[in-house]
Amino acid sequence: MNLRYTSRAKEELSLAFAWYEEQRRGLGFEFLGCVEVAIESILHMPKMYVEYHCNFRRALVRRFPFSIFFTIEELEIVVHAIFDTRQDPIRLPK
């Protein structure tokens, strides 16, 4: 199955990477590695993740306070948000 990131998800991923790199050199790459592990799990078993919010499924990112919100479409999995769980839930994708 193909994977596609929305512009929102790309921006959130980029901002989180930059923030973690500012905290400690290399930490941003550790974050990306943990996101990649979660994405691989989503690609292999997308229906393992139950619907959490609206029609979005949620996968947690190991070691970091982030959730990946995605939908399963006919021909692809769409990542809608790489959501920092410390944010106000009102900012969840709709």
PDB file of N, CA and C in Angstrom:
ATOM      1  N   MET A   1       0.845  -1.180   0.000  1.00  0.00           N
ATOM      2  CA  MET A   1       0.000   0.000   0.000  1.00  0.00           C
ATOM      3  C   MET A   1       0.891   1.245   0.000  1.00  0.00           C
ATOM      4  N   ASN A   2       0.478   2.252  -0.730  1.00  0.00           N
ATOM      5  CA  ASN A   2       1.239   3.501  -0.802  1.00  0.00           C
ATOM      6  C   ASN A   2       0.996   4.342   0.434  1.00  0.00           C
ATOM      7  N   LEU A   3       1.914   5.251   0.697  1.00  0.00           N
ATOM      8  CA  LEU A   3       1.833   6.155   1.836  1.00  0.00           C
ATOM      9  C   LEU A   3       1.937   7.580   1.325  1.00  0.00           C
ATOM     10  N   ARG A   4       1.082   8.457   1.853  1.00  0.00           N
ATOM     11  CA  ARG A   4       1.121   9.869   1.475  1.00  0.00           C
ATOM     12  C   ARG A   4       0.975  10.715   2.724  1.00  0.00           C
ATOM     13  N   TYR A   5       1.777  11.765   2.821  1.00  0.00           N
ATOM     14  CA  TYR A   5       1.696  12.719   3.920  1.00  0.00           C
ATOM     15  C   TYR A   5       0.962  13.961   3.435  1.00  0.00           C
ATOM     16  N   THR A   6       0.058  14.492   4.235  1.00  0.00           N
ATOM     17  CA  THR A   6      -0.554  15.775   3.912  1.00  0.00           C
ATOM     18  C   THR A   6       0.467  16.876   4.181  1.00  0.00           C
ATOM     19  N   SER A   7       0.205  18.056   3.668  1.00  0.00           N
ATOM     20  CA  SER A   7       1.121  19.183   3.912  1.00  0.00           C
ATOM     21  C   SER A   7       1.204  19.487   5.410  1.00  0.00           C
ATOM     22  N   ARG A   8       0.099  19.331   6.119  1.00  0.00           N
ATOM     23  CA  ARG A   8       0.116  19.550   7.567  1.00  0.00           C
ATOM     24  C   ARG A   8       1.071  18.570   8.244  1.00  0.00           C
ATOM     25  N   ALA A   9       0.976  17.298   7.893  1.00  0.00           N
ATOM     26  CA  ALA A   9       1.832  16.282   8.509  1.00  0.00           C
ATOM     27  C   ALA A   9       3.303  16.550   8.196  1.00  0.00           C
ATOM     28  N   LYS A  10       3.604  16.931   6.956  1.00  0.00           N
ATOM     29  CA  LYS A  10       4.985  17.244   6.583  1.00  0.00           C
ATOM     30  C   LYS A  10       5.523  18.409   7.406  1.00  0.00           C
ATOM     31  N   GLU A  11       4.707  19.434   7.560  1.00  0.00           N
ATOM     32  CA  GLU A  11       5.136  20.605   8.332  1.00  0.00           C
ATOM     33  C   GLU A  11       5.358  20.251   9.800  1.00  0.00           C
ATOM     34  N   GLU A  12       4.440  19.490  10.378  1.00  0.00           N
ATOM     35  CA  GLU A  12       4.577  19.095  11.777  1.00  0.00           C
ATOM     36  C   GLU A  12       5.831  18.249  11.985  1.00  0.00           C
ATOM     37  N   LEU A  13       6.109  17.351  11.058  1.00  0.00           N
ATOM     38  CA  LEU A  13       7.292  16.511  11.157  1.00  0.00           C
ATOM     39  C   LEU A  13       8.560  17.357  11.070  1.00  0.00           C
ATOM     40  N   SER A  14       8.577  18.293  10.161  1.00  0.00           N
ATOM     41  CA  SER A  14       9.725  19.174   9.989  1.00  0.00           C
ATOM     42  C   SER A  14       9.969  20.039  11.219  1.00  0.00           C
ATOM     43  N   LEU A  15       8.903  20.597  11.767  1.00  0.00           N
ATOM     44  CA  LEU A  15       9.029  21.446  12.959  1.00  0.00           C
ATOM     45  C   LEU A  15       9.517  20.646  14.163  1.00  0.00           C
ATOM     46  N   ALA A  16       8.986  19.447  14.333  1.00  0.00           N
ATOM     47  CA  ALA A  16       9.399  18.608  15.464  1.00  0.00           C
ATOM     48  C   ALA A  16      10.860  18.208  15.319  1.00  0.00           C
ATOM     49  N   PHE A  17      11.265  17.834  14.104  1.00  0.00           N
ATOM     50  CA  PHE A  17      12.662  17.478  13.865  1.00  0.00           C
ATOM     51  C   PHE A  17      13.577  18.644  14.235  1.00  0.00           C
ATOM     52  N   ALA A  18      13.264  19.833  13.753  1.00  0.00           N
ATOM     53  CA  ALA A  18      14.091  21.016  14.020  1.00  0.00           C
ATOM     54  C   ALA A  18      14.158  21.309  15.517  1.00  0.00           C
ATOM     55  N   TRP A  19      13.027  21.201  16.203  1.00  0.00           N
ATOM     56  CA  TRP A  19      13.001  21.482  17.642  1.00  0.00           C
ATOM     57  C   TRP A  19      13.887  20.492  18.397  1.00  0.00           C
ATOM     58  N   TYR A  20      13.780  19.212  18.083  1.00  0.00           N
ATOM     59  CA  TYR A  20      14.597  18.214  18.763  1.00  0.00           C
ATOM     60  C   TYR A  20      16.080  18.384  18.443  1.00  0.00           C
ATOM     61  N   GLU A  21      16.408  18.781  17.226  1.00  0.00           N
ATOM     62  CA  GLU A  21      17.807  19.028  16.878  1.00  0.00           C
ATOM     63  C   GLU A  21      18.369  20.214  17.664  1.00  0.00           C
ATOM     64  N   GLU A  22      17.523  21.221  17.931  1.00  0.00           N
ATOM     65  CA  GLU A  22      17.960  22.359  18.745  1.00  0.00           C
ATOM     66  C   GLU A  22      18.233  21.939  20.183  1.00  0.00           C
ATOM     67  N   GLN A  23      17.485  20.961  20.654  1.00  0.00           N
ATOM     68  CA  GLN A  23      17.653  20.511  22.036  1.00  0.00           C
ATOM     69  C   GLN A  23      18.972  19.749  22.209  1.00  0.00           C
ATOM     70  N   ARG A  24      19.258  18.885  21.244  1.00  0.00           N
ATOM     71  CA  ARG A  24      20.506  18.119  21.272  1.00  0.00           C
ATOM     72  C   ARG A  24      20.789  17.613  19.873  1.00  0.00           C
ATOM     73  N   ARG A  25      21.989  17.862  19.425  1.00  0.00           N
ATOM     74  CA  ARG A  25      22.385  17.416  18.084  1.00  0.00           C
ATOM     75  C   ARG A  25      22.180  15.897  17.973  1.00  0.00           C
ATOM     76  N   GLY A  26      21.471  15.475  16.942  1.00  0.00           N
ATOM     77  CA  GLY A  26      21.197  14.066  16.715  1.00  0.00           C
ATOM     78  C   GLY A  26      19.854  13.600  17.254  1.00  0.00           C
ATOM     79  N   LEU A  27      19.282  14.365  18.171  1.00  0.00           N
ATOM     80  CA  LEU A  27      17.994  13.969  18.750  1.00  0.00           C
ATOM     81  C   LEU A  27      16.877  14.019  17.707  1.00  0.00           C
ATOM     82  N   GLY A  28      16.967  14.964  16.785  1.00  0.00           N
ATOM     83  CA  GLY A  28      15.977  15.033  15.710  1.00  0.00           C
ATOM     84  C   GLY A  28      15.996  13.780  14.861  1.00  0.00           C
ATOM     85  N   PHE A  29      17.188  13.247  14.613  1.00  0.00           N
ATOM     86  CA  PHE A  29      17.292  12.015  13.828  1.00  0.00           C
ATOM     87  C   PHE A  29      16.781  10.812  14.612  1.00  0.00           C
ATOM     88  N   GLU A  30      16.968  10.831  15.928  1.00  0.00           N
ATOM     89  CA  GLU A  30      16.391   9.768  16.762  1.00  0.00           C
ATOM     90  C   GLU A  30      14.865   9.820  16.684  1.00  0.00           C
ATOM     91  N   PHE A  31      14.328  11.040  16.717  1.00  0.00           N
ATOM     92  CA  PHE A  31      12.878  11.224  16.587  1.00  0.00           C
ATOM     93  C   PHE A  31      12.393  10.669  15.247  1.00  0.00           C
ATOM     94  N   LEU A  32      13.087  11.034  14.157  1.00  0.00           N
ATOM     95  CA  LEU A  32      12.689  10.536  12.835  1.00  0.00           C
ATOM     96  C   LEU A  32      12.753   9.017  12.772  1.00  0.00           C
ATOM     97  N   GLY A  33      13.733   8.427  13.413  1.00  0.00           N
ATOM     98  CA  GLY A  33      13.834   6.975  13.436  1.00  0.00           C
ATOM     99  C   GLY A  33      12.642   6.338  14.126  1.00  0.00           C
ATOM    100  N   CYS A  34      12.205   6.931  15.230  1.00  0.00           N
ATOM    101  CA  CYS A  34      11.037   6.399  15.950  1.00  0.00           C
ATOM    102  C   CYS A  34       9.762   6.593  15.138  1.00  0.00           C
ATOM    103  N   VAL A  35       9.654   7.711  14.431  1.00  0.00           N
ATOM    104  CA  VAL A  35       8.502   7.932  13.549  1.00  0.00           C
ATOM    105  C   VAL A  35       8.511   6.883  12.443  1.00  0.00           C
ATOM    106  N   GLU A  36       9.680   6.608  11.885  1.00  0.00           N
ATOM    107  CA  GLU A  36       9.786   5.618  10.809  1.00  0.00           C
ATOM    108  C   GLU A  36       9.356   4.229  11.283  1.00  0.00           C
ATOM    109  N   VAL A  37       9.717   3.853  12.499  1.00  0.00           N
ATOM    110  CA  VAL A  37       9.294   2.561  13.047  1.00  0.00           C
ATOM    111  C   VAL A  37       7.765   2.505  13.129  1.00  0.00           C
ATOM    112  N   ALA A  38       7.148   3.594  13.597  1.00  0.00           N
ATOM    113  CA  ALA A  38       5.684   3.642  13.691  1.00  0.00           C
ATOM    114  C   ALA A  38       5.048   3.571  12.301  1.00  0.00           C
ATOM    115  N   ILE A  39       5.635   4.276  11.338  1.00  0.00           N
ATOM    116  CA  ILE A  39       5.110   4.260   9.967  1.00  0.00           C
ATOM    117  C   ILE A  39       5.207   2.857   9.372  1.00  0.00           C
ATOM    118  N   GLU A  40       6.307   2.173   9.599  1.00  0.00           N
ATOM    119  CA  GLU A  40       6.462   0.804   9.094  1.00  0.00           C
ATOM    120  C   GLU A  40       5.383  -0.105   9.686  1.00  0.00           C
ATOM    121  N   SER A  41       5.093   0.073  10.964  1.00  0.00           N
ATOM    122  CA  SER A  41       4.047  -0.718  11.606  1.00  0.00           C
ATOM    123  C   SER A  41       2.677  -0.416  10.985  1.00  0.00           C
ATOM    124  N   ILE A  42       2.426   0.854  10.728  1.00  0.00           N
ATOM    125  CA  ILE A  42       1.171   1.260  10.087  1.00  0.00           C
ATOM    126  C   ILE A  42       1.058   0.604   8.712  1.00  0.00           C
ATOM    127  N   LEU A  43       2.138   0.641   7.940  1.00  0.00           N
ATOM    128  CA  LEU A  43       2.115   0.069   6.593  1.00  0.00           C
ATOM    129  C   LEU A  43       1.886  -1.440   6.606  1.00  0.00           C
ATOM    130  N   HIS A  44       2.430  -2.124   7.597  1.00  0.00           N
ATOM    131  CA  HIS A  44       2.291  -3.573   7.659  1.00  0.00           C
ATOM    132  C   HIS A  44       0.947  -4.018   8.240  1.00  0.00           C
ATOM    133  N   MET A  45       0.418  -3.260   9.197  1.00  0.00           N
ATOM    134  CA  MET A  45      -0.832  -3.657   9.864  1.00  0.00           C
ATOM    135  C   MET A  45      -1.708  -2.443  10.165  1.00  0.00           C
ATOM    136  N   PRO A  46      -2.178  -1.741   9.147  1.00  0.00           N
ATOM    137  CA  PRO A  46      -2.919  -0.501   9.398  1.00  0.00           C
ATOM    138  C   PRO A  46      -4.210  -0.688  10.190  1.00  0.00           C
ATOM    139  N   LYS A  47      -4.866  -1.814  10.004  1.00  0.00           N
ATOM    140  CA  LYS A  47      -6.147  -2.023  10.691  1.00  0.00           C
ATOM    141  C   LYS A  47      -5.962  -2.440  12.151  1.00  0.00           C
ATOM    142  N   MET A  48      -4.727  -2.661  12.562  1.00  0.00           N
ATOM    143  CA  MET A  48      -4.439  -2.960  13.957  1.00  0.00           C
ATOM    144  C   MET A  48      -4.760  -1.739  14.831  1.00  0.00           C
ATOM    145  N   TYR A  49      -4.675  -0.564  14.243  1.00  0.00           N
ATOM    146  CA  TYR A  49      -4.917   0.675  14.971  1.00  0.00           C
ATOM    147  C   TYR A  49      -6.401   1.036  14.867  1.00  0.00           C
ATOM    148  N   VAL A  50      -7.045   1.145  15.994  1.00  0.00           N
ATOM    149  CA  VAL A  50      -8.479   1.428  16.006  1.00  0.00           C
ATOM    150  C   VAL A  50      -8.720   2.902  15.700  1.00  0.00           C
ATOM    151  N   GLU A  51      -9.925   3.190  15.258  1.00  0.00           N
ATOM    152  CA  GLU A  51     -10.290   4.585  15.037  1.00  0.00           C
ATOM    153  C   GLU A  51     -10.330   5.282  16.384  1.00  0.00           C
ATOM    154  N   TYR A  52      -9.645   6.408  16.451  1.00  0.00           N
ATOM    155  CA  TYR A  52      -9.454   7.117  17.718  1.00  0.00           C
ATOM    156  C   TYR A  52     -10.239   8.418  17.770  1.00  0.00           C
ATOM    157  N   HIS A  53     -10.213   9.159  16.680  1.00  0.00           N
ATOM    158  CA  HIS A  53     -10.815  10.489  16.623  1.00  0.00           C
ATOM    159  C   HIS A  53     -11.413  10.669  15.234  1.00  0.00           C
ATOM    160  N   CYS A  54     -12.700  10.966  15.168  1.00  0.00           N
ATOM    161  CA  CYS A  54     -13.402  11.053  13.883  1.00  0.00           C
ATOM    162  C   CYS A  54     -13.142   9.757  13.119  1.00  0.00           C
ATOM    163  N   ASN A  55     -12.629   9.834  11.913  1.00  0.00           N
ATOM    164  CA  ASN A  55     -12.309   8.633  11.132  1.00  0.00           C
ATOM    165  C   ASN A  55     -10.822   8.321  11.158  1.00  0.00           C
ATOM    166  N   PHE A  56     -10.080   9.007  12.007  1.00  0.00           N
ATOM    167  CA  PHE A  56      -8.632   8.860  12.052  1.00  0.00           C
ATOM    168  C   PHE A  56      -8.212   7.734  12.991  1.00  0.00           C
ATOM    169  N   ARG A  57      -7.231   6.985  12.549  1.00  0.00           N
ATOM    170  CA  ARG A  57      -6.597   5.981  13.394  1.00  0.00           C
ATOM    171  C   ARG A  57      -5.342   6.632  13.975  1.00  0.00           C
ATOM    172  N   ARG A  58      -4.887   6.107  15.117  1.00  0.00           N
ATOM    173  CA  ARG A  58      -3.747   6.716  15.788  1.00  0.00           C
ATOM    174  C   ARG A  58      -2.697   5.674  16.129  1.00  0.00           C
ATOM    175  N   ALA A  59      -1.453   6.016  15.801  1.00  0.00           N
ATOM    176  CA  ALA A  59      -0.301   5.205  16.201  1.00  0.00           C
ATOM    177  C   ALA A  59       0.586   6.083  17.072  1.00  0.00           C
ATOM    178  N   LEU A  60       1.027   5.541  18.187  1.00  0.00           N
ATOM    179  CA  LEU A  60       1.916   6.282  19.077  1.00  0.00           C
ATOM    180  C   LEU A  60       3.358   6.142  18.600  1.00  0.00           C
ATOM    181  N   VAL A  61       4.126   7.201  18.797  1.00  0.00           N
ATOM    182  CA  VAL A  61       5.549   7.194  18.476  1.00  0.00           C
ATOM    183  C   VAL A  61       6.310   6.850  19.748  1.00  0.00           C
ATOM    184  N   ARG A  62       7.110   5.798  19.687  1.00  0.00           N
ATOM    185  CA  ARG A  62       7.889   5.357  20.841  1.00  0.00           C
ATOM    186  C   ARG A  62       8.880   6.445  21.259  1.00  0.00           C
ATOM    187  N   ARG A  63       9.043   6.632  22.579  1.00  0.00           N
ATOM    188  CA  ARG A  63      10.010   7.542  23.200  1.00  0.00           C
ATOM    189  C   ARG A  63       9.656   9.015  23.118  1.00  0.00           C
ATOM    190  N   PHE A  64       8.749   9.402  22.256  1.00  0.00           N
ATOM    191  CA  PHE A  64       8.447  10.811  22.058  1.00  0.00           C
ATOM    192  C   PHE A  64       6.941  11.022  22.209  1.00  0.00           C
ATOM    193  N   PRO A  65       6.536  12.204  22.712  1.00  0.00           N
ATOM    194  CA  PRO A  65       5.109  12.447  22.955  1.00  0.00           C
ATOM    195  C   PRO A  65       4.344  12.841  21.685  1.00  0.00           C
ATOM    196  N   PHE A  66       4.371  11.976  20.701  1.00  0.00           N
ATOM    197  CA  PHE A  66       3.718  12.245  19.426  1.00  0.00           C
ATOM    198  C   PHE A  66       2.832  11.078  19.022  1.00  0.00           C
ATOM    199  N   SER A  67       1.761  11.413  18.318  1.00  0.00           N
ATOM    200  CA  SER A  67       0.864  10.428  17.726  1.00  0.00           C
ATOM    201  C   SER A  67       0.789  10.694  16.226  1.00  0.00           C
ATOM    202  N   ILE A  68       0.669   9.629  15.471  1.00  0.00           N
ATOM    203  CA  ILE A  68       0.490   9.738  14.023  1.00  0.00           C
ATOM    204  C   ILE A  68      -0.978   9.447  13.738  1.00  0.00           C
ATOM    205  N   PHE A  69      -1.667  10.412  13.166  1.00  0.00           N
ATOM    206  CA  PHE A  69      -3.071  10.249  12.801  1.00  0.00           C
ATOM    207  C   PHE A  69      -3.154   9.984  11.304  1.00  0.00           C
ATOM    208  N   PHE A  70      -3.836   8.900  10.939  1.00  0.00           N
ATOM    209  CA  PHE A  70      -3.883   8.496   9.538  1.00  0.00           C
ATOM    210  C   PHE A  70      -5.243   7.900   9.204  1.00  0.00           C
ATOM    211  N   THR A  71      -5.495   7.827   7.902  1.00  0.00           N
ATOM    212  CA  THR A  71      -6.685   7.150   7.396  1.00  0.00           C
ATOM    213  C   THR A  71      -6.251   6.103   6.384  1.00  0.00           C
ATOM    214  N   ILE A  72      -7.079   5.087   6.249  1.00  0.00           N
ATOM    215  CA  ILE A  72      -6.849   4.048   5.243  1.00  0.00           C
ATOM    216  C   ILE A  72      -7.802   4.345   4.089  1.00  0.00           C
ATOM    217  N   GLU A  73      -7.229   4.727   2.970  1.00  0.00           N
ATOM    218  CA  GLU A  73      -8.015   5.022   1.781  1.00  0.00           C
ATOM    219  C   GLU A  73      -8.007   3.778   0.880  1.00  0.00           C
ATOM    220  N   GLU A  74      -8.654   3.873  -0.245  1.00  0.00           N
ATOM    221  CA  GLU A  74      -8.761   2.720  -1.134  1.00  0.00           C
ATOM    222  C   GLU A  74      -7.396   2.205  -1.607  1.00  0.00           C
ATOM    223  N   LEU A  75      -6.515   3.129  -2.026  1.00  0.00           N
ATOM    224  CA  LEU A  75      -5.235   2.724  -2.585  1.00  0.00           C
ATOM    225  C   LEU A  75      -4.028   3.212  -1.788  1.00  0.00           C
ATOM    226  N   GLU A  76      -4.270   3.909  -0.705  1.00  0.00           N
ATOM    227  CA  GLU A  76      -3.149   4.464   0.044  1.00  0.00           C
ATOM    228  C   GLU A  76      -3.503   4.710   1.504  1.00  0.00           C
ATOM    229  N   ILE A  77      -2.459   4.874   2.285  1.00  0.00           N
ATOM    230  CA  ILE A  77      -2.600   5.317   3.663  1.00  0.00           C
ATOM    231  C   ILE A  77      -2.190   6.779   3.676  1.00  0.00           C
ATOM    232  N   VAL A  78      -3.034   7.615   4.262  1.00  0.00           N
ATOM    233  CA  VAL A  78      -2.765   9.049   4.297  1.00  0.00           C
ATOM    234  C   VAL A  78      -2.468   9.458   5.731  1.00  0.00           C
ATOM    235  N   VAL A  79      -1.258  10.007   5.931  1.00  0.00           N
ATOM    236  CA  VAL A  79      -0.881  10.537   7.242  1.00  0.00           C
ATOM    237  C   VAL A  79      -1.347  11.989   7.273  1.00  0.00           C
ATOM    238  N   HIS A  80      -2.268  12.278   8.197  1.00  0.00           N
ATOM    239  CA  HIS A  80      -2.858  13.612   8.278  1.00  0.00           C
ATOM    240  C   HIS A  80      -2.159  14.497   9.294  1.00  0.00           C
ATOM    241  N   ALA A  81      -1.555  13.892  10.310  1.00  0.00           N
ATOM    242  CA  ALA A  81      -0.903  14.699  11.341  1.00  0.00           C
ATOM    243  C   ALA A  81       0.144  13.880  12.077  1.00  0.00           C
ATOM    244  N   ILE A  82       1.233  14.558  12.431  1.00  0.00           N
ATOM    245  CA  ILE A  82       2.224  14.044  13.372  1.00  0.00           C
ATOM    246  C   ILE A  82       2.022  14.942  14.586  1.00  0.00           C
ATOM    247  N   PHE A  83       1.148  14.522  15.466  1.00  0.00           N
ATOM    248  CA  PHE A  83       0.583  15.404  16.495  1.00  0.00           C
ATOM    249  C   PHE A  83       1.357  15.312  17.807  1.00  0.00           C
ATOM    250  N   ASP A  84       1.811  16.454  18.285  1.00  0.00           N
ATOM    251  CA  ASP A  84       2.454  16.553  19.593  1.00  0.00           C
ATOM    252  C   ASP A  84       1.348  16.446  20.640  1.00  0.00           C
ATOM    253  N   THR A  85       1.346  15.378  21.397  1.00  0.00           N
ATOM    254  CA  THR A  85       0.248  15.115  22.335  1.00  0.00           C
ATOM    255  C   THR A  85       0.220  16.080  23.506  1.00  0.00           C
ATOM    256  N   ARG A  86       1.213  16.954  23.614  1.00  0.00           N
ATOM    257  CA  ARG A  86       1.198  17.985  24.663  1.00  0.00           C
ATOM    258  C   ARG A  86       0.374  19.188  24.237  1.00  0.00           C
ATOM    259  N   GLN A  87      -0.070  19.205  22.990  1.00  0.00           N
ATOM    260  CA  GLN A  87      -0.882  20.308  22.480  1.00  0.00           C
ATOM    261  C   GLN A  87      -2.329  20.173  22.937  1.00  0.00           C
ATOM    262  N   ASP A  88      -3.060  21.257  22.780  1.00  0.00           N
ATOM    263  CA  ASP A  88      -4.480  21.260  23.058  1.00  0.00           C
ATOM    264  C   ASP A  88      -5.168  20.314  22.072  1.00  0.00           C
ATOM    265  N   PRO A  89      -5.967  19.369  22.552  1.00  0.00           N
ATOM    266  CA  PRO A  89      -6.635  18.416  21.646  1.00  0.00           C
ATOM    267  C   PRO A  89      -7.528  19.081  20.609  1.00  0.00           C
ATOM    268  N   ILE A  90      -7.887  20.321  20.800  1.00  0.00           N
ATOM    269  CA  ILE A  90      -8.714  21.003  19.807  1.00  0.00           C
ATOM    270  C   ILE A  90      -7.969  21.128  18.478  1.00  0.00           C
ATOM    271  N   ARG A  91      -6.651  20.981  18.500  1.00  0.00           N
ATOM    272  CA  ARG A  91      -5.848  21.073  17.285  1.00  0.00           C
ATOM    273  C   ARG A  91      -5.748  19.756  16.532  1.00  0.00           C
ATOM    274  N   LEU A  92      -6.413  18.705  17.024  1.00  0.00           N
ATOM    275  CA  LEU A  92      -6.418  17.425  16.306  1.00  0.00           C
ATOM    276  C   LEU A  92      -7.012  17.615  14.915  1.00  0.00           C
ATOM    277  N   PRO A  93      -6.605  16.821  13.951  1.00  0.00           N
ATOM    278  CA  PRO A  93      -7.160  16.963  12.595  1.00  0.00           C
ATOM    279  C   PRO A  93      -8.654  16.676  12.585  1.00  0.00           C
ATOM    280  N   LYS A  94      -9.332  17.310  11.662  1.00  0.00           N
ATOM    281  CA  LYS A  94     -10.787  17.131  11.542  1.00  0.00           C
ATOM    282  C   LYS A  94     -11.127  16.723  10.134  1.00  0.00           C
TER     283      LYS A  94
END
